[in-house]
PDB file of all heavy atoms in Angstrom:
ATOM      1  N   THR A   1     -20.481 -10.178  -5.435  1.00  0.00           N
ATOM      2  CA  THR A   1     -21.390  -9.194  -6.005  1.00  0.00           C
ATOM      3  C   THR A   1     -20.640  -8.277  -6.969  1.00  0.00           C
ATOM      4  O   THR A   1     -19.435  -8.060  -6.828  1.00  0.00           O
ATOM      5  CB  THR A   1     -22.048  -8.349  -4.903  1.00  0.00           C
ATOM      6  OG1 THR A   1     -21.032  -7.652  -4.169  1.00  0.00           O
ATOM      7  CG2 THR A   1     -22.849  -9.234  -3.961  1.00  0.00           C
ATOM      8  N   PRO A   2     -21.339  -7.727  -7.966  1.00  0.00           N
ATOM      9  CA  PRO A   2     -20.678  -6.837  -8.924  1.00  0.00           C
ATOM     10  C   PRO A   2     -20.050  -5.628  -8.240  1.00  0.00           C
ATOM     11  O   PRO A   2     -20.588  -5.095  -7.265  1.00  0.00           O
ATOM     12  CB  PRO A   2     -21.819  -6.428  -9.854  1.00  0.00           C
ATOM     13  CG  PRO A   2     -22.814  -7.531  -9.754  1.00  0.00           C
ATOM     14  CD  PRO A   2     -22.739  -7.991  -8.327  1.00  0.00           C
ATOM     15  N   SER A   3     -18.926  -5.185  -8.776  1.00  0.00           N
ATOM     16  CA  SER A   3     -18.250  -4.000  -8.261  1.00  0.00           C
ATOM     17  C   SER A   3     -18.955  -2.744  -8.752  1.00  0.00           C
ATOM     18  O   SER A   3     -19.819  -2.790  -9.644  1.00  0.00           O
ATOM     19  CB  SER A   3     -16.801  -3.984  -8.746  1.00  0.00           C
ATOM     20  OG  SER A   3     -16.760  -3.828 -10.159  1.00  0.00           O
ATOM     21  N   VAL A   4     -18.583  -1.594  -8.190  1.00  0.00           N
ATOM     22  CA  VAL A   4     -19.133  -0.321  -8.649  1.00  0.00           C
ATOM     23  C   VAL A   4     -18.805  -0.118 -10.123  1.00  0.00           C
ATOM     24  O   VAL A   4     -19.637   0.375 -10.897  1.00  0.00           O
ATOM     25  CB  VAL A   4     -18.595   0.841  -7.789  1.00  0.00           C
ATOM     26  CG1 VAL A   4     -19.002   2.181  -8.399  1.00  0.00           C
ATOM     27  CG2 VAL A   4     -19.116   0.748  -6.365  1.00  0.00           C
ATOM     28  N   VAL A   5     -17.605  -0.513 -10.540  1.00  0.00           N
ATOM     29  CA  VAL A   5     -17.215  -0.381 -11.949  1.00  0.00           C
ATOM     30  C   VAL A   5     -18.140  -1.202 -12.837  1.00  0.00           C
ATOM     31  O   VAL A   5     -18.599  -0.737 -13.892  1.00  0.00           O
ATOM     32  CB  VAL A   5     -15.745  -0.812 -12.145  1.00  0.00           C
ATOM     33  CG1 VAL A   5     -15.393  -0.887 -13.623  1.00  0.00           C
ATOM     34  CG2 VAL A   5     -14.810   0.154 -11.430  1.00  0.00           C
ATOM     35  N   GLU A   6     -18.449  -2.429 -12.429  1.00  0.00           N
ATOM     36  CA  GLU A   6     -19.357  -3.270 -13.217  1.00  0.00           C
ATOM     37  C   GLU A   6     -20.777  -2.704 -13.235  1.00  0.00           C
ATOM     38  O   GLU A   6     -21.477  -2.784 -14.246  1.00  0.00           O
ATOM     39  CB  GLU A   6     -19.364  -4.690 -12.656  1.00  0.00           C
ATOM     40  CG  GLU A   6     -18.059  -5.455 -12.935  1.00  0.00           C
ATOM     41  CD  GLU A   6     -17.985  -6.771 -12.211  1.00  0.00           C
ATOM     42  OE1 GLU A   6     -18.339  -6.814 -11.015  1.00  0.00           O
ATOM     43  OE2 GLU A   6     -17.549  -7.763 -12.838  1.00  0.00           O
ATOM     44  N   ARG A   7     -21.197  -2.123 -12.119  1.00  0.00           N
ATOM     45  CA  ARG A   7     -22.533  -1.526 -12.075  1.00  0.00           C
ATOM     46  C   ARG A   7     -22.607  -0.298 -12.989  1.00  0.00           C
ATOM     47  O   ARG A   7     -23.626  -0.071 -13.658  1.00  0.00           O
ATOM     48  CB  ARG A   7     -22.906  -1.154 -10.648  1.00  0.00           C
ATOM     49  CG  ARG A   7     -23.019  -2.372  -9.730  1.00  0.00           C
ATOM     50  CD  ARG A   7     -23.493  -2.003  -8.330  1.00  0.00           C
ATOM     51  NE  ARG A   7     -23.366  -3.141  -7.432  1.00  0.00           N
ATOM     52  CZ  ARG A   7     -24.229  -4.147  -7.369  1.00  0.00           C
ATOM     53  NH1 ARG A   7     -25.304  -4.146  -8.147  1.00  0.00           N
ATOM     54  NH2 ARG A   7     -24.042  -5.152  -6.518  1.00  0.00           N
ATOM     55  N   LEU A   8     -21.562   0.493 -13.032  1.00  0.00           N
ATOM     56  CA  LEU A   8     -21.538   1.644 -13.930  1.00  0.00           C
ATOM     57  C   LEU A   8     -21.476   1.200 -15.386  1.00  0.00           C
ATOM     58  O   LEU A   8     -22.086   1.818 -16.267  1.00  0.00           O
ATOM     59  CB  LEU A   8     -20.361   2.553 -13.590  1.00  0.00           C
ATOM     60  CG  LEU A   8     -20.482   3.335 -12.281  1.00  0.00           C
ATOM     61  CD1 LEU A   8     -19.158   3.999 -11.941  1.00  0.00           C
ATOM     62  CD2 LEU A   8     -21.585   4.373 -12.375  1.00  0.00           C
ATOM     63  N   ALA A   9     -20.753   0.113 -15.662  1.00  0.00           N
ATOM     64  CA  ALA A   9     -20.663  -0.403 -17.033  1.00  0.00           C
ATOM     65  C   ALA A   9     -22.031  -0.857 -17.538  1.00  0.00           C
ATOM     66  O   ALA A   9     -22.350  -0.688 -18.717  1.00  0.00           O
ATOM     67  CB  ALA A   9     -19.667  -1.556 -17.097  1.00  0.00           C
ATOM     68  N   ALA A  10     -22.850  -1.429 -16.639  1.00  0.00           N
ATOM     69  CA  ALA A  10     -24.187  -1.882 -17.029  1.00  0.00           C
ATOM     70  C   ALA A  10     -25.077  -0.715 -17.434  1.00  0.00           C
ATOM     71  O   ALA A  10     -26.087  -0.904 -18.131  1.00  0.00           O
ATOM     72  CB  ALA A  10     -24.827  -2.659 -15.891  1.00  0.00           C
ATOM     73  N   ARG A  11     -24.716   0.479 -17.021  1.00  0.00           N
ATOM     74  CA  ARG A  11     -25.505   1.667 -17.322  1.00  0.00           C
ATOM     75  C   ARG A  11     -25.185   2.252 -18.701  1.00  0.00           C
ATOM     76  O   ARG A  11     -25.920   3.098 -19.208  1.00  0.00           O
ATOM     77  CB  ARG A  11     -25.275   2.716 -16.229  1.00  0.00           C
ATOM     78  CG  ARG A  11     -26.284   3.823 -16.182  1.00  0.00           C
ATOM     79  CD  ARG A  11     -26.257   4.563 -14.871  1.00  0.00           C
ATOM     80  NE  ARG A  11     -25.040   5.344 -14.684  1.00  0.00           N
ATOM     81  CZ  ARG A  11     -24.843   6.183 -13.669  1.00  0.00           C
ATOM     82  NH1 ARG A  11     -25.782   6.307 -12.731  1.00  0.00           N
ATOM     83  NH2 ARG A  11     -23.733   6.864 -13.548  1.00  0.00           N
ATOM     84  N   GLU A  12     -24.082   1.797 -19.299  1.00  0.00           N
ATOM     85  CA  GLU A  12     -23.709   2.295 -20.618  1.00  0.00           C
ATOM     86  C   GLU A  12     -24.694   1.793 -21.678  1.00  0.00           C
ATOM     87  O   GLU A  12     -25.263   0.710 -21.561  1.00  0.00           O
ATOM     88  CB  GLU A  12     -22.293   1.837 -20.970  1.00  0.00           C
ATOM     89  CG  GLU A  12     -21.210   2.405 -20.065  1.00  0.00           C
ATOM     90  CD  GLU A  12     -21.117   3.915 -20.163  1.00  0.00           C
ATOM     91  OE1 GLU A  12     -21.191   4.436 -21.300  1.00  0.00           O
ATOM     92  OE2 GLU A  12     -20.978   4.571 -19.106  1.00  0.00           O
ATOM     93  N   ARG A  13     -24.879   2.581 -22.720  1.00  0.00           N
ATOM     94  CA  ARG A  13     -25.807   2.189 -23.786  1.00  0.00           C
ATOM     95  C   ARG A  13     -25.277   0.947 -24.498  1.00  0.00           C
ATOM     96  O   ARG A  13     -24.127   0.911 -24.937  1.00  0.00           O
ATOM     97  CB  ARG A  13     -25.984   3.326 -24.782  1.00  0.00           C
ATOM     98  CG  ARG A  13     -27.131   3.118 -25.766  1.00  0.00           C
ATOM     99  CD  ARG A  13     -27.313   4.354 -26.631  1.00  0.00           C
ATOM    100  NE  ARG A  13     -28.526   4.241 -27.449  1.00  0.00           N
ATOM    101  CZ  ARG A  13     -28.571   3.668 -28.643  1.00  0.00           C
ATOM    102  NH1 ARG A  13     -27.469   3.130 -29.157  1.00  0.00           N
ATOM    103  NH2 ARG A  13     -29.711   3.611 -29.313  1.00  0.00           N
ATOM    104  N   PRO A  14     -26.105  -0.110 -24.627  1.00  0.00           N
ATOM    105  CA  PRO A  14     -25.647  -1.342 -25.271  1.00  0.00           C
ATOM    106  C   PRO A  14     -25.349  -1.134 -26.752  1.00  0.00           C
ATOM    107  O   PRO A  14     -25.825  -0.192 -27.384  1.00  0.00           O
ATOM    108  CB  PRO A  14     -26.827  -2.307 -25.086  1.00  0.00           C
ATOM    109  CG  PRO A  14     -27.645  -1.721 -23.983  1.00  0.00           C
ATOM    110  CD  PRO A  14     -27.464  -0.241 -24.087  1.00  0.00           C
ATOM    111  N   GLU A  15     -24.582  -2.055 -27.299  1.00  0.00           N
ATOM    112  CA  GLU A  15     -24.354  -2.071 -28.745  1.00  0.00           C
ATOM    113  C   GLU A  15     -25.617  -2.558 -29.451  1.00  0.00           C
ATOM    114  O   GLU A  15     -26.514  -3.144 -28.838  1.00  0.00           O
ATOM    115  CB  GLU A  15     -23.180  -2.985 -29.078  1.00  0.00           C
ATOM    116  CG  GLU A  15     -21.855  -2.513 -28.518  1.00  0.00           C
ATOM    117  CD  GLU A  15     -20.715  -3.443 -28.879  1.00  0.00           C
ATOM    118  OE1 GLU A  15     -20.988  -4.512 -29.477  1.00  0.00           O
ATOM    119  OE2 GLU A  15     -19.557  -3.117 -28.563  1.00  0.00           O
ATOM    120  N   GLY A  16     -25.668  -2.344 -30.751  1.00  0.00           N
ATOM    121  CA  GLY A  16     -26.824  -2.779 -31.524  1.00  0.00           C
ATOM    122  C   GLY A  16     -27.961  -1.788 -31.440  1.00  0.00           C
ATOM    123  O   GLY A  16     -27.794  -0.635 -31.032  1.00  0.00           O
ATOM    124  N   SER A  17     -29.140  -2.246 -31.814  1.00  0.00           N
ATOM    125  CA  SER A  17     -30.300  -1.362 -31.912  1.00  0.00           C
ATOM    126  C   SER A  17     -31.405  -1.805 -30.958  1.00  0.00           C
ATOM    127  O   SER A  17     -31.668  -3.003 -30.818  1.00  0.00           O
ATOM    128  CB  SER A  17     -30.855  -1.371 -33.340  1.00  0.00           C
ATOM    129  OG  SER A  17     -29.877  -0.933 -34.262  1.00  0.00           O
ATOM    130  N   PRO A  18     -32.069  -0.851 -30.325  1.00  0.00           N
ATOM    131  CA  PRO A  18     -33.216  -1.206 -29.475  1.00  0.00           C
ATOM    132  C   PRO A  18     -34.399  -1.644 -30.325  1.00  0.00           C
ATOM    133  O   PRO A  18     -34.448  -1.387 -31.535  1.00  0.00           O
ATOM    134  CB  PRO A  18     -33.522   0.099 -28.743  1.00  0.00           C
ATOM    135  CG  PRO A  18     -33.043   1.174 -29.672  1.00  0.00           C
ATOM    136  CD  PRO A  18     -31.826   0.607 -30.358  1.00  0.00           C
ATOM    137  N   VAL A  19     -35.350  -2.309 -29.686  1.00  0.00           N
ATOM    138  CA  VAL A  19     -36.559  -2.736 -30.392  1.00  0.00           C
ATOM    139  C   VAL A  19     -37.792  -1.973 -29.931  1.00  0.00           C
ATOM    140  O   VAL A  19     -38.832  -2.029 -30.577  1.00  0.00           O
ATOM    141  CB  VAL A  19     -36.793  -4.256 -30.216  1.00  0.00           C
ATOM    142  CG1 VAL A  19     -35.710  -5.039 -30.910  1.00  0.00           C
ATOM    143  CG2 VAL A  19     -36.907  -4.641 -28.744  1.00  0.00           C
ATOM    144  N   MET A  20     -37.670  -1.259 -28.795  1.00  0.00           N
ATOM    145  CA  MET A  20     -38.817  -0.512 -28.282  1.00  0.00           C
ATOM    146  C   MET A  20     -38.363   0.797 -27.656  1.00  0.00           C
ATOM    147  O   MET A  20     -37.240   0.905 -27.144  1.00  0.00           O
ATOM    148  CB  MET A  20     -39.571  -1.315 -27.209  1.00  0.00           C
ATOM    149  CG  MET A  20     -40.304  -2.536 -27.691  1.00  0.00           C
ATOM    150  SD  MET A  20     -41.399  -3.195 -26.393  1.00  0.00           S
ATOM    151  CE  MET A  20     -42.669  -1.923 -26.350  1.00  0.00           C
ATOM    152  N   TYR A  21     -39.271   1.781 -27.698  1.00  0.00           N
ATOM    153  CA  TYR A  21     -39.115   3.024 -26.965  1.00  0.00           C
ATOM    154  C   TYR A  21     -40.267   3.135 -25.977  1.00  0.00           C
ATOM    155  O   TYR A  21     -41.393   2.707 -26.256  1.00  0.00           O
ATOM    156  CB  TYR A  21     -39.156   4.228 -27.908  1.00  0.00           C
ATOM    157  CG  TYR A  21     -38.067   4.280 -28.940  1.00  0.00           C
ATOM    158  CD1 TYR A  21     -38.366   4.597 -30.265  1.00  0.00           C
ATOM    159  CD2 TYR A  21     -36.746   4.018 -28.601  1.00  0.00           C
ATOM    160  CE1 TYR A  21     -37.370   4.664 -31.226  1.00  0.00           C
ATOM    161  CE2 TYR A  21     -35.735   4.074 -29.558  1.00  0.00           C
ATOM    162  CZ  TYR A  21     -36.058   4.397 -30.869  1.00  0.00           C
ATOM    163  OH  TYR A  21     -35.074   4.448 -31.811  1.00  0.00           O
ATOM    164  N   GLN A  22     -40.004   3.724 -24.824  1.00  0.00           N
ATOM    165  CA  GLN A  22     -41.066   4.024 -23.855  1.00  0.00           C
ATOM    166  C   GLN A  22     -40.557   5.058 -22.869  1.00  0.00           C
ATOM    167  O   GLN A  22     -39.345   5.267 -22.736  1.00  0.00           O
ATOM    168  CB  GLN A  22     -41.536   2.760 -23.129  1.00  0.00           C
ATOM    169  CG  GLN A  22     -40.445   1.835 -22.629  1.00  0.00           C
ATOM    170  CD  GLN A  22     -40.978   0.480 -22.218  1.00  0.00           C
ATOM    171  OE1 GLN A  22     -41.184   0.224 -21.048  1.00  0.00           O
ATOM    172  NE2 GLN A  22     -41.231  -0.392 -23.207  1.00  0.00           N
ATOM    173  N   SER A  23     -41.473   5.716 -22.195  1.00  0.00           N
ATOM    174  CA  SER A  23     -41.128   6.677 -21.143  1.00  0.00           C
ATOM    175  C   SER A  23     -41.771   6.237 -19.847  1.00  0.00           C
ATOM    176  O   SER A  23     -42.889   5.693 -19.849  1.00  0.00           O
ATOM    177  CB  SER A  23     -41.595   8.084 -21.521  1.00  0.00           C
ATOM    178  OG  SER A  23     -40.929   8.543 -22.680  1.00  0.00           O
ATOM    179  N   TRP A  24     -41.059   6.464 -18.732  1.00  0.00           N
ATOM    180  CA  TRP A  24     -41.539   6.080 -17.410  1.00  0.00           C
ATOM    181  C   TRP A  24     -41.558   7.304 -16.509  1.00  0.00           C
ATOM    182  O   TRP A  24     -40.650   8.139 -16.553  1.00  0.00           O
ATOM    183  CB  TRP A  24     -40.617   5.042 -16.768  1.00  0.00           C
ATOM    184  CG  TRP A  24     -40.433   3.774 -17.548  1.00  0.00           C
ATOM    185  CD1 TRP A  24     -41.195   3.302 -18.564  1.00  0.00           C
ATOM    186  CD2 TRP A  24     -39.392   2.806 -17.340  1.00  0.00           C
ATOM    187  NE1 TRP A  24     -40.705   2.098 -19.010  1.00  0.00           N
ATOM    188  CE2 TRP A  24     -39.601   1.762 -18.287  1.00  0.00           C
ATOM    189  CE3 TRP A  24     -38.326   2.709 -16.454  1.00  0.00           C
ATOM    190  CZ2 TRP A  24     -38.760   0.659 -18.366  1.00  0.00           C
ATOM    191  CZ3 TRP A  24     -37.480   1.606 -16.532  1.00  0.00           C
ATOM    192  CH2 TRP A  24     -37.710   0.598 -17.481  1.00  0.00           C
ATOM    193  N   GLY A  25     -42.562   7.397 -15.653  1.00  0.00           N
ATOM    194  CA  GLY A  25     -42.618   8.512 -14.721  1.00  0.00           C
ATOM    195  C   GLY A  25     -43.471   8.225 -13.510  1.00  0.00           C
ATOM    196  O   GLY A  25     -44.171   7.212 -13.446  1.00  0.00           O
ATOM    197  N   ASN A  26     -43.385   9.146 -12.542  1.00  0.00           N
ATOM    198  CA  ASN A  26     -44.106   9.038 -11.268  1.00  0.00           C
ATOM    199  C   ASN A  26     -43.930   7.657 -10.662  1.00  0.00           C
ATOM    200  O   ASN A  26     -44.880   7.023 -10.204  1.00  0.00           O
ATOM    201  CB  ASN A  26     -45.590   9.353 -11.448  1.00  0.00           C
ATOM    202  CG  ASN A  26     -46.233   9.811 -10.143  1.00  0.00           C
ATOM    203  OD1 ASN A  26     -45.536  10.166  -9.187  1.00  0.00           O
ATOM    204  ND2 ASN A  26     -47.551   9.811 -10.092  1.00  0.00           N
ATOM    205  N   LEU A  27     -42.689   7.188 -10.669  1.00  0.00           N
ATOM    206  CA  LEU A  27     -42.377   5.846 -10.177  1.00  0.00           C
ATOM    207  C   LEU A  27     -41.998   5.909  -8.703  1.00  0.00           C
ATOM    208  O   LEU A  27     -41.087   6.636  -8.310  1.00  0.00           O
ATOM    209  CB  LEU A  27     -41.238   5.238 -10.994  1.00  0.00           C
ATOM    210  CG  LEU A  27     -41.001   3.735 -10.803  1.00  0.00           C
ATOM    211  CD1 LEU A  27     -40.409   3.127 -12.074  1.00  0.00           C
ATOM    212  CD2 LEU A  27     -40.068   3.470  -9.642  1.00  0.00           C
ATOM    213  N   LEU A  28     -42.719   5.159  -7.897  1.00  0.00           N
ATOM    214  CA  LEU A  28     -42.419   5.070  -6.469  1.00  0.00           C
ATOM    215  C   LEU A  28     -41.667   3.776  -6.218  1.00  0.00           C
ATOM    216  O   LEU A  28     -42.199   2.684  -6.415  1.00  0.00           O
ATOM    217  CB  LEU A  28     -43.699   5.095  -5.640  1.00  0.00           C
ATOM    218  CG  LEU A  28     -43.465   5.154  -4.122  1.00  0.00           C
ATOM    219  CD1 LEU A  28     -42.901   6.513  -3.722  1.00  0.00           C
ATOM    220  CD2 LEU A  28     -44.753   4.865  -3.357  1.00  0.00           C
ATOM    221  N   PHE A  29     -40.400   3.885  -5.806  1.00  0.00           N
ATOM    222  CA  PHE A  29     -39.622   2.717  -5.408  1.00  0.00           C
ATOM    223  C   PHE A  29     -39.901   2.436  -3.932  1.00  0.00           C
ATOM    224  O   PHE A  29     -39.646   3.281  -3.069  1.00  0.00           O
ATOM    225  CB  PHE A  29     -38.118   2.984  -5.565  1.00  0.00           C
ATOM    226  CG  PHE A  29     -37.647   3.171  -6.972  1.00  0.00           C
ATOM    227  CD1 PHE A  29     -37.452   4.445  -7.491  1.00  0.00           C
ATOM    228  CD2 PHE A  29     -37.349   2.079  -7.782  1.00  0.00           C
ATOM    229  CE1 PHE A  29     -36.981   4.628  -8.779  1.00  0.00           C
ATOM    230  CE2 PHE A  29     -36.877   2.251  -9.069  1.00  0.00           C
ATOM    231  CZ  PHE A  29     -36.686   3.523  -9.575  1.00  0.00           C
ATOM    232  N   MET A  30     -40.424   1.255  -3.635  1.00  0.00           N
ATOM    233  CA  MET A  30     -40.668   0.823  -2.261  1.00  0.00           C
ATOM    234  C   MET A  30     -39.860  -0.453  -2.034  1.00  0.00           C
ATOM    235  O   MET A  30     -40.036  -1.440  -2.760  1.00  0.00           O
ATOM    236  CB  MET A  30     -42.160   0.548  -2.034  1.00  0.00           C
ATOM    237  CG  MET A  30     -43.067   1.676  -2.460  1.00  0.00           C
ATOM    238  SD  MET A  30     -44.830   1.193  -2.476  1.00  0.00           S
ATOM    239  CE  MET A  30     -45.105   0.908  -0.734  1.00  0.00           C
ATOM    240  N   HIS A  31     -38.991  -0.464  -1.037  1.00  0.00           N
ATOM    241  CA  HIS A  31     -38.128  -1.624  -0.812  1.00  0.00           C
ATOM    242  C   HIS A  31     -38.131  -2.058   0.645  1.00  0.00           C
ATOM    243  O   HIS A  31     -38.116  -1.220   1.559  1.00  0.00           O
ATOM    244  CB  HIS A  31     -36.678  -1.298  -1.208  1.00  0.00           C
ATOM    245  CG  HIS A  31     -36.465  -1.236  -2.686  1.00  0.00           C
ATOM    246  ND1 HIS A  31     -36.453  -0.054  -3.388  1.00  0.00           N
ATOM    247  CD2 HIS A  31     -36.251  -2.232  -3.599  1.00  0.00           C
ATOM    248  CE1 HIS A  31     -36.237  -0.306  -4.671  1.00  0.00           C
ATOM    249  NE2 HIS A  31     -36.120  -1.617  -4.830  1.00  0.00           N
ATOM    250  N   TRP A  32     -38.133  -3.376   0.820  1.00  0.00           N
ATOM    251  CA  TRP A  32     -38.019  -3.983   2.133  1.00  0.00           C
ATOM    252  C   TRP A  32     -36.841  -4.954   2.130  1.00  0.00           C
ATOM    253  O   TRP A  32     -36.612  -5.674   1.151  1.00  0.00           O
ATOM    254  CB  TRP A  32     -39.266  -4.777   2.485  1.00  0.00           C
ATOM    255  CG  TRP A  32     -40.505  -3.986   2.725  1.00  0.00           C
ATOM    256  CD1 TRP A  32     -41.003  -3.590   3.938  1.00  0.00           C
ATOM    257  CD2 TRP A  32     -41.440  -3.520   1.748  1.00  0.00           C
ATOM    258  NE1 TRP A  32     -42.180  -2.908   3.771  1.00  0.00           N
ATOM    259  CE2 TRP A  32     -42.474  -2.849   2.425  1.00  0.00           C
ATOM    260  CE3 TRP A  32     -41.493  -3.606   0.346  1.00  0.00           C
ATOM    261  CZ2 TRP A  32     -43.546  -2.270   1.773  1.00  0.00           C
ATOM    262  CZ3 TRP A  32     -42.563  -3.021  -0.321  1.00  0.00           C
ATOM    263  CH2 TRP A  32     -43.573  -2.368   0.392  1.00  0.00           C
ATOM    264  N   GLU A  33     -36.121  -4.994   3.231  1.00  0.00           N
ATOM    265  CA  GLU A  33     -35.085  -6.014   3.384  1.00  0.00           C
ATOM    266  C   GLU A  33     -35.764  -7.364   3.628  1.00  0.00           C
ATOM    267  O   GLU A  33     -36.745  -7.452   4.374  1.00  0.00           O
ATOM    268  CB  GLU A  33     -34.180  -5.672   4.562  1.00  0.00           C
ATOM    269  CG  GLU A  33     -32.987  -6.611   4.707  1.00  0.00           C
ATOM    270  CD  GLU A  33     -32.066  -6.214   5.836  1.00  0.00           C
ATOM    271  OE1 GLU A  33     -32.129  -5.049   6.292  1.00  0.00           O
ATOM    272  OE2 GLU A  33     -31.278  -7.083   6.285  1.00  0.00           O
TER     273      GLU A  33
END
């Protein structure tokens, strides 16, 4: 599985240009094992 370092690296802003903008809110994360 990816390390904490790799997970943090995935959070960095990618190179190049985005193609879309959007905003997200009132998001309920529900998870089951």
